[in-house]
Amino acid sequence: MRITLLAVLGLALPVALAGQAPPGACTHRGTPADLAKRPSPLDSVEATIDGAVVKVCYGRPSARGRTMLGDVLPFGTPWRLGANEPTRLYVPFAADVAGVHVPPGTYSLYVVPQQASWEVHVNKVVDRWGIPIDDPVQAQDAGKGTVAVETLATPIEQLTMRLVAGPTSALVVEWGKTRVHIPIKKAG
């Protein structure tokens, strides 16, 4: 009996652990076939900041000839900063994100875009659909900060993010004629 129980546990434990995503893993709702059918493809970016890997997972919507920021996505309205699930940020160390101090972990990001600045919200709930961003979602904010908008000469068709490491590490977000730098630094 003891050998059987150990054998069952030996087989069951790896299966149970396989269902848990490792820290920083991009997780999405649906089968791989369903995910491949989405009009906004999934993407992720990562960079080593202060010796540890920071990662962002997001959906990449396209403008398709539309003016997105300020029109389809009205100024002053919360936006999930991507498509489908919320954009997720994994920081393996205590960090300041847009001036918001957070312990190590995974957070969702959403923004309230304006013409000259964006309000960046760091939220503690990551396992949800990206919308609505209502009072119960906002009640889970770890905090918010403001970043300036930079105007681009040439529009960017598809939402693009990149992590830039260095003395002024940041998540750089570009879409349409808009670019913002969301500072990310190790708290200390």
N, C-alpha and C. Protein backbone atom coordinates (compact mmCIF):
# COMPACT_ATOMS: atom_id res chain seq x y z
N MET A 1 0.83 -1.19 0.00
CA MET A 1 0.00 0.00 0.00
C MET A 1 0.87 1.25 0.00
N ARG A 2 1.91 1.23 0.82
CA ARG A 2 2.77 2.40 0.92
C ARG A 2 3.47 2.67 -0.41
N ILE A 3 3.93 1.64 -1.08
CA ILE A 3 4.59 1.81 -2.37
C ILE A 3 3.60 2.34 -3.40
N THR A 4 2.38 1.83 -3.40
CA THR A 4 1.36 2.29 -4.33
C THR A 4 1.04 3.76 -4.11
N LEU A 5 0.88 4.15 -2.83
CA LEU A 5 0.57 5.54 -2.51
C LEU A 5 1.71 6.45 -2.96
N LEU A 6 2.96 6.04 -2.70
CA LEU A 6 4.09 6.85 -3.13
C LEU A 6 4.16 6.92 -4.65
N ALA A 7 3.85 5.82 -5.32
CA ALA A 7 3.86 5.83 -6.77
C ALA A 7 2.78 6.77 -7.31
N VAL A 8 1.60 6.73 -6.72
CA VAL A 8 0.52 7.63 -7.15
C VAL A 8 0.91 9.08 -6.89
N LEU A 9 1.44 9.35 -5.70
CA LEU A 9 1.88 10.71 -5.40
C LEU A 9 3.00 11.15 -6.33
N GLY A 10 3.90 10.24 -6.62
CA GLY A 10 5.01 10.55 -7.53
C GLY A 10 4.53 10.92 -8.92
N LEU A 11 3.44 10.33 -9.35
CA LEU A 11 2.88 10.66 -10.66
C LEU A 11 1.96 11.88 -10.59
N ALA A 12 1.21 12.02 -9.52
CA ALA A 12 0.22 13.10 -9.42
C ALA A 12 0.87 14.44 -9.15
N LEU A 13 1.92 14.48 -8.35
CA LEU A 13 2.53 15.75 -7.99
C LEU A 13 3.07 16.51 -9.20
N PRO A 14 3.84 15.87 -10.09
CA PRO A 14 4.30 16.63 -11.27
C PRO A 14 3.14 17.10 -12.14
N VAL A 15 2.07 16.32 -12.24
CA VAL A 15 0.91 16.73 -13.03
C VAL A 15 0.26 17.95 -12.40
N ALA A 16 0.10 17.93 -11.06
CA ALA A 16 -0.50 19.06 -10.37
C ALA A 16 0.36 20.31 -10.53
N LEU A 17 1.66 20.15 -10.39
CA LEU A 17 2.56 21.29 -10.52
C LEU A 17 2.61 21.81 -11.95
N ALA A 18 2.41 20.93 -12.93
CA ALA A 18 2.44 21.35 -14.32
C ALA A 18 1.34 22.34 -14.63
N GLY A 19 0.24 22.31 -13.87
CA GLY A 19 -0.86 23.25 -14.10
C GLY A 19 -0.59 24.63 -13.55
N GLN A 20 0.47 24.80 -12.78
CA GLN A 20 0.82 26.10 -12.22
C GLN A 20 1.86 26.75 -13.11
N ALA A 21 1.57 27.97 -13.54
CA ALA A 21 2.52 28.69 -14.38
C ALA A 21 3.68 29.19 -13.53
N PRO A 22 4.90 29.11 -14.04
CA PRO A 22 6.03 29.64 -13.29
C PRO A 22 5.95 31.17 -13.23
N PRO A 23 6.62 31.79 -12.28
CA PRO A 23 6.59 33.25 -12.20
C PRO A 23 7.03 33.88 -13.52
N GLY A 24 6.30 34.87 -13.96
CA GLY A 24 6.64 35.58 -15.19
C GLY A 24 6.12 34.93 -16.45
N ALA A 25 5.44 33.80 -16.34
CA ALA A 25 4.91 33.13 -17.53
C ALA A 25 3.69 33.89 -18.06
N CYS A 26 3.56 33.96 -19.36
CA CYS A 26 2.38 34.57 -19.97
C CYS A 26 1.28 33.51 -19.99
N THR A 27 0.15 33.81 -19.38
CA THR A 27 -0.97 32.89 -19.38
C THR A 27 -2.15 33.57 -20.05
N HIS A 28 -2.91 32.79 -20.82
CA HIS A 28 -4.04 33.32 -21.57
C HIS A 28 -5.18 32.33 -21.54
N ARG A 29 -6.39 32.85 -21.68
CA ARG A 29 -7.59 32.00 -21.70
C ARG A 29 -7.77 31.39 -23.09
N GLY A 30 -8.05 30.10 -23.11
CA GLY A 30 -8.35 29.44 -24.38
C GLY A 30 -7.30 28.43 -24.78
N THR A 31 -7.68 27.63 -25.76
CA THR A 31 -6.77 26.63 -26.30
C THR A 31 -5.80 27.31 -27.26
N PRO A 32 -4.69 26.66 -27.58
CA PRO A 32 -3.77 27.25 -28.57
C PRO A 32 -4.48 27.57 -29.89
N ALA A 33 -5.42 26.71 -30.31
CA ALA A 33 -6.15 26.97 -31.56
C ALA A 33 -7.02 28.22 -31.44
N ASP A 34 -7.68 28.38 -30.28
CA ASP A 34 -8.50 29.58 -30.05
C ASP A 34 -7.63 30.83 -30.02
N LEU A 35 -6.49 30.74 -29.36
CA LEU A 35 -5.60 31.89 -29.26
C LEU A 35 -5.08 32.32 -30.63
N ALA A 36 -4.82 31.34 -31.50
CA ALA A 36 -4.31 31.65 -32.85
C ALA A 36 -5.35 32.37 -33.70
N LYS A 37 -6.62 32.24 -33.37
CA LYS A 37 -7.69 32.88 -34.14
C LYS A 37 -7.96 34.33 -33.73
N ARG A 38 -7.39 34.76 -32.63
CA ARG A 38 -7.64 36.13 -32.17
C ARG A 38 -7.12 37.15 -33.17
N PRO A 39 -7.89 38.22 -33.43
CA PRO A 39 -7.41 39.24 -34.37
C PRO A 39 -6.22 40.03 -33.83
N SER A 40 -6.08 40.09 -32.51
CA SER A 40 -4.94 40.77 -31.91
C SER A 40 -3.98 39.72 -31.37
N PRO A 41 -2.82 39.54 -32.02
CA PRO A 41 -1.89 38.50 -31.59
C PRO A 41 -1.32 38.79 -30.21
N LEU A 42 -0.88 37.72 -29.56
CA LEU A 42 -0.26 37.82 -28.25
C LEU A 42 1.23 38.06 -28.42
N ASP A 43 1.80 38.79 -27.47
CA ASP A 43 3.23 39.05 -27.53
C ASP A 43 3.75 39.23 -26.11
N SER A 44 5.04 39.22 -25.98
CA SER A 44 5.67 39.50 -24.70
C SER A 44 7.03 40.12 -24.96
N VAL A 45 7.48 40.89 -23.99
CA VAL A 45 8.81 41.49 -24.05
C VAL A 45 9.45 41.29 -22.69
N GLU A 46 10.77 41.19 -22.68
CA GLU A 46 11.48 41.06 -21.42
C GLU A 46 12.83 41.73 -21.52
N ALA A 47 13.35 42.10 -20.36
CA ALA A 47 14.67 42.71 -20.28
C ALA A 47 15.23 42.41 -18.90
N THR A 48 16.54 42.39 -18.83
CA THR A 48 17.20 42.23 -17.53
C THR A 48 17.43 43.62 -16.95
N ILE A 49 16.78 43.85 -15.82
CA ILE A 49 16.89 45.12 -15.12
C ILE A 49 17.46 44.83 -13.74
N ASP A 50 18.55 45.48 -13.42
CA ASP A 50 19.22 45.27 -12.13
C ASP A 50 19.45 43.79 -11.85
N GLY A 51 19.86 43.04 -12.87
CA GLY A 51 20.25 41.64 -12.70
C GLY A 51 19.12 40.63 -12.70
N ALA A 52 17.88 41.05 -12.92
CA ALA A 52 16.75 40.12 -12.92
C ALA A 52 15.85 40.39 -14.13
N VAL A 53 15.17 39.35 -14.60
CA VAL A 53 14.34 39.47 -15.79
C VAL A 53 12.96 40.00 -15.45
N VAL A 54 12.61 41.11 -16.09
CA VAL A 54 11.29 41.73 -16.00
C VAL A 54 10.57 41.38 -17.30
N LYS A 55 9.27 41.05 -17.20
CA LYS A 55 8.54 40.61 -18.39
C LYS A 55 7.17 41.27 -18.47
N VAL A 56 6.75 41.56 -19.69
CA VAL A 56 5.41 42.11 -19.96
C VAL A 56 4.75 41.21 -21.00
N CYS A 57 3.49 40.82 -20.73
CA CYS A 57 2.69 40.00 -21.65
C CYS A 57 1.47 40.83 -22.05
N TYR A 58 1.18 40.86 -23.36
CA TYR A 58 0.08 41.72 -23.82
C TYR A 58 -0.48 41.27 -25.16
N GLY A 59 -1.67 41.75 -25.48
CA GLY A 59 -2.27 41.54 -26.79
C GLY A 59 -1.99 42.76 -27.65
N ARG A 60 -1.73 42.55 -28.97
CA ARG A 60 -1.30 43.62 -29.87
C ARG A 60 -2.38 44.00 -30.88
N PRO A 61 -3.30 44.89 -30.51
CA PRO A 61 -4.30 45.32 -31.48
C PRO A 61 -3.68 46.18 -32.58
N SER A 62 -4.37 46.24 -33.71
CA SER A 62 -3.95 47.08 -34.84
C SER A 62 -4.95 48.20 -35.03
N ALA A 63 -4.47 49.32 -35.57
CA ALA A 63 -5.34 50.48 -35.80
C ALA A 63 -6.27 50.24 -36.99
N ARG A 64 -5.80 49.56 -38.03
CA ARG A 64 -6.59 49.26 -39.22
C ARG A 64 -7.28 50.52 -39.79
N GLY A 65 -6.49 51.59 -39.91
CA GLY A 65 -7.01 52.82 -40.49
C GLY A 65 -7.79 53.70 -39.53
N ARG A 66 -7.95 53.27 -38.30
CA ARG A 66 -8.71 54.06 -37.31
C ARG A 66 -7.77 54.90 -36.45
N THR A 67 -8.29 56.00 -35.94
CA THR A 67 -7.57 56.78 -34.94
C THR A 67 -7.97 56.17 -33.60
N MET A 68 -7.04 55.51 -32.96
CA MET A 68 -7.38 54.74 -31.76
C MET A 68 -7.44 55.63 -30.52
N LEU A 69 -6.31 56.24 -30.18
CA LEU A 69 -6.25 57.03 -28.95
C LEU A 69 -6.91 58.38 -29.15
N GLY A 70 -7.94 58.63 -28.36
CA GLY A 70 -8.68 59.88 -28.47
C GLY A 70 -9.92 59.77 -29.32
N ASP A 71 -10.11 58.61 -30.01
CA ASP A 71 -11.30 58.42 -30.84
C ASP A 71 -11.96 57.10 -30.45
N VAL A 72 -11.47 55.98 -30.98
CA VAL A 72 -12.03 54.67 -30.61
C VAL A 72 -11.86 54.45 -29.11
N LEU A 73 -10.72 54.83 -28.58
CA LEU A 73 -10.45 54.79 -27.13
C LEU A 73 -10.45 56.25 -26.66
N PRO A 74 -11.59 56.74 -26.17
CA PRO A 74 -11.68 58.16 -25.82
C PRO A 74 -10.72 58.56 -24.70
N PHE A 75 -10.19 59.78 -24.82
CA PHE A 75 -9.35 60.30 -23.75
C PHE A 75 -10.16 60.33 -22.45
N GLY A 76 -9.49 60.04 -21.34
CA GLY A 76 -10.14 60.07 -20.04
C GLY A 76 -10.85 58.79 -19.66
N THR A 77 -10.80 57.78 -20.53
CA THR A 77 -11.46 56.50 -20.28
C THR A 77 -10.42 55.42 -20.00
N PRO A 78 -10.59 54.60 -18.95
CA PRO A 78 -9.61 53.53 -18.70
C PRO A 78 -9.51 52.55 -19.88
N TRP A 79 -8.28 52.17 -20.18
CA TRP A 79 -7.99 51.24 -21.27
C TRP A 79 -7.02 50.17 -20.76
N ARG A 80 -7.24 48.94 -21.16
CA ARG A 80 -6.46 47.80 -20.66
C ARG A 80 -5.04 47.74 -21.19
N LEU A 81 -4.62 48.69 -21.98
CA LEU A 81 -3.25 48.77 -22.51
C LEU A 81 -2.91 47.55 -23.37
N GLY A 82 -3.85 47.18 -24.22
CA GLY A 82 -3.65 46.05 -25.10
C GLY A 82 -5.00 45.51 -25.52
N ALA A 83 -5.04 44.21 -25.80
CA ALA A 83 -6.28 43.56 -26.21
C ALA A 83 -6.47 42.29 -25.39
N ASN A 84 -7.73 41.90 -25.25
CA ASN A 84 -8.11 40.66 -24.58
C ASN A 84 -7.83 40.72 -23.08
N GLU A 85 -7.00 39.83 -22.54
CA GLU A 85 -6.67 39.86 -21.12
C GLU A 85 -5.93 41.16 -20.81
N PRO A 86 -5.84 41.51 -19.53
CA PRO A 86 -5.08 42.73 -19.21
C PRO A 86 -3.59 42.53 -19.49
N THR A 87 -2.92 43.62 -19.77
CA THR A 87 -1.46 43.57 -19.91
C THR A 87 -0.89 43.25 -18.54
N ARG A 88 0.05 42.29 -18.51
CA ARG A 88 0.64 41.83 -17.25
C ARG A 88 2.11 42.20 -17.18
N LEU A 89 2.50 42.65 -16.02
CA LEU A 89 3.90 43.00 -15.74
C LEU A 89 4.39 42.12 -14.62
N TYR A 90 5.51 41.42 -14.86
CA TYR A 90 6.15 40.60 -13.83
C TYR A 90 7.45 41.29 -13.42
N VAL A 91 7.57 41.60 -12.11
CA VAL A 91 8.80 42.15 -11.56
C VAL A 91 9.27 41.21 -10.44
N PRO A 92 10.49 40.67 -10.56
CA PRO A 92 10.98 39.71 -9.57
C PRO A 92 11.61 40.36 -8.34
N PHE A 93 11.48 41.67 -8.24
CA PHE A 93 12.04 42.41 -7.12
C PHE A 93 11.07 43.52 -6.75
N ALA A 94 11.24 44.08 -5.55
CA ALA A 94 10.44 45.25 -5.17
C ALA A 94 10.77 46.36 -6.18
N ALA A 95 9.74 46.99 -6.72
CA ALA A 95 9.95 47.93 -7.81
C ALA A 95 9.10 49.19 -7.64
N ASP A 96 9.53 50.21 -8.36
CA ASP A 96 8.73 51.41 -8.55
C ASP A 96 8.33 51.43 -10.02
N VAL A 97 7.02 51.34 -10.27
CA VAL A 97 6.48 51.33 -11.64
C VAL A 97 5.67 52.60 -11.80
N ALA A 98 6.14 53.51 -12.64
CA ALA A 98 5.49 54.82 -12.81
C ALA A 98 5.33 55.51 -11.46
N GLY A 99 6.28 55.27 -10.56
CA GLY A 99 6.25 55.88 -9.24
C GLY A 99 5.45 55.10 -8.21
N VAL A 100 4.86 53.98 -8.59
CA VAL A 100 4.07 53.15 -7.68
C VAL A 100 4.98 52.06 -7.10
N HIS A 101 5.12 52.03 -5.78
CA HIS A 101 5.97 51.02 -5.15
C HIS A 101 5.19 49.72 -5.01
N VAL A 102 5.76 48.61 -5.51
CA VAL A 102 5.12 47.29 -5.42
C VAL A 102 6.14 46.25 -4.99
N PRO A 103 5.68 45.23 -4.23
CA PRO A 103 6.57 44.11 -3.90
C PRO A 103 6.76 43.23 -5.14
N PRO A 104 7.69 42.28 -5.09
CA PRO A 104 7.87 41.37 -6.22
C PRO A 104 6.55 40.67 -6.55
N GLY A 105 6.30 40.47 -7.85
CA GLY A 105 5.08 39.76 -8.23
C GLY A 105 4.62 40.13 -9.63
N THR A 106 3.40 39.68 -9.96
CA THR A 106 2.80 39.94 -11.25
C THR A 106 1.62 40.89 -11.05
N TYR A 107 1.53 41.88 -11.89
CA TYR A 107 0.51 42.92 -11.81
C TYR A 107 -0.11 43.13 -13.18
N SER A 108 -1.33 43.63 -13.21
CA SER A 108 -1.91 44.07 -14.48
C SER A 108 -1.74 45.57 -14.57
N LEU A 109 -1.63 46.04 -15.78
CA LEU A 109 -1.50 47.48 -16.04
C LEU A 109 -2.69 47.94 -16.85
N TYR A 110 -3.22 49.09 -16.52
CA TYR A 110 -4.16 49.77 -17.40
C TYR A 110 -3.86 51.25 -17.32
N VAL A 111 -4.32 51.98 -18.30
CA VAL A 111 -4.02 53.41 -18.38
C VAL A 111 -5.29 54.20 -18.60
N VAL A 112 -5.21 55.48 -18.25
CA VAL A 112 -6.24 56.45 -18.61
C VAL A 112 -5.51 57.47 -19.49
N PRO A 113 -5.61 57.29 -20.83
CA PRO A 113 -4.86 58.19 -21.70
C PRO A 113 -5.51 59.57 -21.82
N GLN A 114 -4.67 60.56 -21.88
CA GLN A 114 -5.05 61.93 -22.21
C GLN A 114 -4.15 62.36 -23.37
N GLN A 115 -4.40 63.50 -23.92
CA GLN A 115 -3.60 63.94 -25.06
C GLN A 115 -2.14 64.19 -24.68
N ALA A 116 -1.89 64.80 -23.51
CA ALA A 116 -0.53 65.16 -23.13
C ALA A 116 0.09 64.23 -22.10
N SER A 117 -0.71 63.38 -21.44
CA SER A 117 -0.17 62.48 -20.42
C SER A 117 -1.07 61.26 -20.27
N TRP A 118 -0.51 60.21 -19.68
CA TRP A 118 -1.27 59.00 -19.35
C TRP A 118 -1.18 58.76 -17.86
N GLU A 119 -2.29 58.39 -17.28
CA GLU A 119 -2.33 57.92 -15.91
C GLU A 119 -2.13 56.40 -15.97
N VAL A 120 -1.08 55.91 -15.35
CA VAL A 120 -0.74 54.49 -15.38
C VAL A 120 -1.17 53.87 -14.06
N HIS A 121 -2.03 52.85 -14.13
CA HIS A 121 -2.52 52.15 -12.94
C HIS A 121 -1.85 50.79 -12.86
N VAL A 122 -1.31 50.48 -11.69
CA VAL A 122 -0.72 49.18 -11.40
C VAL A 122 -1.74 48.46 -10.52
N ASN A 123 -2.24 47.31 -11.02
CA ASN A 123 -3.36 46.63 -10.38
C ASN A 123 -2.93 45.25 -9.89
N LYS A 124 -3.49 44.84 -8.76
CA LYS A 124 -3.09 43.57 -8.14
C LYS A 124 -3.81 42.35 -8.73
N VAL A 125 -4.84 42.55 -9.55
CA VAL A 125 -5.60 41.42 -10.10
C VAL A 125 -5.14 41.17 -11.54
N VAL A 126 -4.65 39.95 -11.80
CA VAL A 126 -4.17 39.62 -13.14
C VAL A 126 -5.03 38.58 -13.84
N ASP A 127 -5.76 37.77 -13.09
CA ASP A 127 -6.55 36.70 -13.68
C ASP A 127 -7.98 37.16 -13.91
N ARG A 128 -8.15 37.97 -14.94
CA ARG A 128 -9.47 38.49 -15.31
C ARG A 128 -9.41 38.85 -16.79
N TRP A 129 -10.56 39.13 -17.36
CA TRP A 129 -10.61 39.65 -18.72
C TRP A 129 -10.21 41.11 -18.64
N GLY A 130 -9.75 41.70 -19.71
CA GLY A 130 -9.22 43.07 -19.68
C GLY A 130 -10.25 44.15 -19.43
N ILE A 131 -11.51 43.87 -19.75
CA ILE A 131 -12.57 44.85 -19.52
C ILE A 131 -13.73 44.17 -18.82
N PRO A 132 -14.59 44.85 -18.13
CA PRO A 132 -14.56 46.29 -17.89
C PRO A 132 -13.54 46.64 -16.81
N ILE A 133 -13.11 47.89 -16.83
CA ILE A 133 -12.27 48.41 -15.76
C ILE A 133 -13.20 49.26 -14.91
N ASP A 134 -13.92 48.57 -14.05
CA ASP A 134 -14.97 49.21 -13.25
C ASP A 134 -14.49 49.43 -11.82
N ASP A 135 -15.40 49.87 -10.95
CA ASP A 135 -15.03 50.17 -9.56
C ASP A 135 -14.39 48.98 -8.84
N PRO A 136 -14.94 47.74 -8.97
CA PRO A 136 -14.28 46.62 -8.28
C PRO A 136 -12.85 46.37 -8.77
N VAL A 137 -12.60 46.57 -10.06
CA VAL A 137 -11.23 46.41 -10.58
C VAL A 137 -10.35 47.53 -10.03
N GLN A 138 -10.82 48.77 -10.12
CA GLN A 138 -10.03 49.91 -9.67
C GLN A 138 -9.74 49.84 -8.17
N ALA A 139 -10.63 49.21 -7.40
CA ALA A 139 -10.41 49.07 -5.96
C ALA A 139 -9.18 48.20 -5.66
N GLN A 140 -8.70 47.44 -6.65
CA GLN A 140 -7.54 46.57 -6.48
C GLN A 140 -6.24 47.23 -6.95
N ASP A 141 -6.29 48.53 -7.27
CA ASP A 141 -5.08 49.22 -7.70
C ASP A 141 -4.07 49.27 -6.56
N ALA A 142 -2.81 49.00 -6.90
CA ALA A 142 -1.72 49.20 -5.96
C ALA A 142 -1.37 50.69 -5.91
N GLY A 143 -1.68 51.39 -7.00
CA GLY A 143 -1.41 52.82 -7.09
C GLY A 143 -1.41 53.26 -8.54
N LYS A 144 -1.19 54.55 -8.74
CA LYS A 144 -1.14 55.10 -10.09
C LYS A 144 -0.11 56.21 -10.16
N GLY A 145 0.41 56.39 -11.36
CA GLY A 145 1.37 57.46 -11.63
C GLY A 145 1.06 58.08 -12.97
N THR A 146 1.73 59.16 -13.29
CA THR A 146 1.47 59.87 -14.55
C THR A 146 2.76 59.92 -15.36
N VAL A 147 2.62 59.69 -16.67
CA VAL A 147 3.76 59.78 -17.59
C VAL A 147 3.39 60.70 -18.75
N ALA A 148 4.39 61.34 -19.30
CA ALA A 148 4.17 62.28 -20.41
C ALA A 148 4.02 61.53 -21.73
N VAL A 149 3.28 62.13 -22.64
CA VAL A 149 3.10 61.59 -23.99
C VAL A 149 4.09 62.27 -24.93
N GLU A 150 4.69 61.48 -25.77
CA GLU A 150 5.57 61.98 -26.83
C GLU A 150 4.85 61.74 -28.15
N THR A 151 4.87 62.72 -29.05
CA THR A 151 4.20 62.59 -30.35
C THR A 151 5.21 62.09 -31.39
N LEU A 152 4.82 61.03 -32.10
CA LEU A 152 5.67 60.45 -33.14
C LEU A 152 5.35 61.07 -34.50
N ALA A 153 6.32 61.19 -35.37
CA ALA A 153 6.12 61.72 -36.71
C ALA A 153 5.41 60.71 -37.60
N THR A 154 5.77 59.44 -37.43
CA THR A 154 5.20 58.37 -38.25
C THR A 154 4.35 57.47 -37.37
N PRO A 155 3.09 57.23 -37.75
CA PRO A 155 2.23 56.40 -36.91
C PRO A 155 2.66 54.94 -36.87
N ILE A 156 2.41 54.31 -35.73
CA ILE A 156 2.69 52.88 -35.52
C ILE A 156 1.35 52.15 -35.66
N GLU A 157 1.25 51.22 -36.61
CA GLU A 157 0.00 50.52 -36.92
C GLU A 157 -0.46 49.60 -35.79
N GLN A 158 0.48 48.83 -35.25
CA GLN A 158 0.12 47.82 -34.25
C GLN A 158 0.76 48.19 -32.91
N LEU A 159 -0.04 48.11 -31.85
CA LEU A 159 0.47 48.40 -30.51
C LEU A 159 1.78 47.66 -30.30
N THR A 160 2.80 48.39 -29.88
CA THR A 160 4.13 47.82 -29.71
C THR A 160 4.68 48.23 -28.35
N MET A 161 5.22 47.25 -27.64
CA MET A 161 5.87 47.51 -26.36
C MET A 161 7.28 46.96 -26.40
N ARG A 162 8.15 47.62 -25.65
CA ARG A 162 9.51 47.11 -25.48
C ARG A 162 9.99 47.55 -24.11
N LEU A 163 10.80 46.73 -23.51
CA LEU A 163 11.43 47.06 -22.23
C LEU A 163 12.84 47.53 -22.51
N VAL A 164 13.17 48.67 -21.96
CA VAL A 164 14.50 49.24 -22.13
C VAL A 164 15.19 49.23 -20.78
N ALA A 165 16.33 48.56 -20.72
CA ALA A 165 17.09 48.47 -19.47
C ALA A 165 18.19 49.52 -19.48
N GLY A 166 18.55 49.98 -18.32
CA GLY A 166 19.63 50.96 -18.21
C GLY A 166 19.37 51.88 -17.04
N PRO A 167 20.07 53.00 -17.01
CA PRO A 167 19.89 53.94 -15.90
C PRO A 167 18.45 54.46 -15.79
N THR A 168 17.75 54.52 -16.91
CA THR A 168 16.34 54.94 -16.90
C THR A 168 15.49 53.84 -17.52
N SER A 169 15.45 52.68 -16.87
CA SER A 169 14.69 51.54 -17.38
C SER A 169 13.22 51.91 -17.51
N ALA A 170 12.59 51.40 -18.59
CA ALA A 170 11.19 51.76 -18.81
C ALA A 170 10.52 50.75 -19.74
N LEU A 171 9.20 50.69 -19.60
CA LEU A 171 8.36 50.03 -20.59
C LEU A 171 7.97 51.12 -21.58
N VAL A 172 8.36 50.95 -22.83
CA VAL A 172 8.04 51.92 -23.86
C VAL A 172 6.84 51.40 -24.64
N VAL A 173 5.79 52.21 -24.72
CA VAL A 173 4.55 51.85 -25.40
C VAL A 173 4.38 52.79 -26.58
N GLU A 174 4.13 52.22 -27.78
CA GLU A 174 3.93 53.02 -28.98
C GLU A 174 2.70 52.53 -29.73
N TRP A 175 1.87 53.48 -30.14
CA TRP A 175 0.70 53.15 -30.97
C TRP A 175 0.18 54.43 -31.58
N GLY A 176 -0.19 54.34 -32.86
CA GLY A 176 -0.60 55.55 -33.56
C GLY A 176 0.57 56.52 -33.57
N LYS A 177 0.33 57.75 -33.19
CA LYS A 177 1.41 58.74 -33.12
C LYS A 177 1.82 59.02 -31.68
N THR A 178 1.57 58.04 -30.80
CA THR A 178 1.83 58.22 -29.38
C THR A 178 2.93 57.27 -28.89
N ARG A 179 3.80 57.83 -28.05
CA ARG A 179 4.81 57.03 -27.34
C ARG A 179 4.83 57.50 -25.90
N VAL A 180 4.86 56.53 -24.98
CA VAL A 180 5.06 56.85 -23.56
C VAL A 180 6.15 55.96 -23.00
N HIS A 181 6.84 56.46 -22.00
CA HIS A 181 7.85 55.71 -21.26
C HIS A 181 7.31 55.54 -19.84
N ILE A 182 7.10 54.29 -19.44
CA ILE A 182 6.63 54.00 -18.09
C ILE A 182 7.85 53.51 -17.31
N PRO A 183 8.37 54.35 -16.40
CA PRO A 183 9.59 53.98 -15.69
C PRO A 183 9.40 52.74 -14.80
N ILE A 184 10.39 51.87 -14.82
CA ILE A 184 10.42 50.68 -13.97
C ILE A 184 11.82 50.62 -13.36
N LYS A 185 11.88 50.69 -12.05
CA LYS A 185 13.20 50.58 -11.41
C LYS A 185 13.10 49.78 -10.13
N LYS A 186 14.20 49.17 -9.80
CA LYS A 186 14.27 48.40 -8.56
C LYS A 186 14.15 49.39 -7.39
N ALA A 187 13.25 49.07 -6.47
CA ALA A 187 13.06 49.94 -5.30
C ALA A 187 14.26 49.78 -4.38
N GLY A 188 14.64 50.85 -3.77
CA GLY A 188 15.78 50.70 -2.90
C GLY A 188 16.08 51.85 -2.10
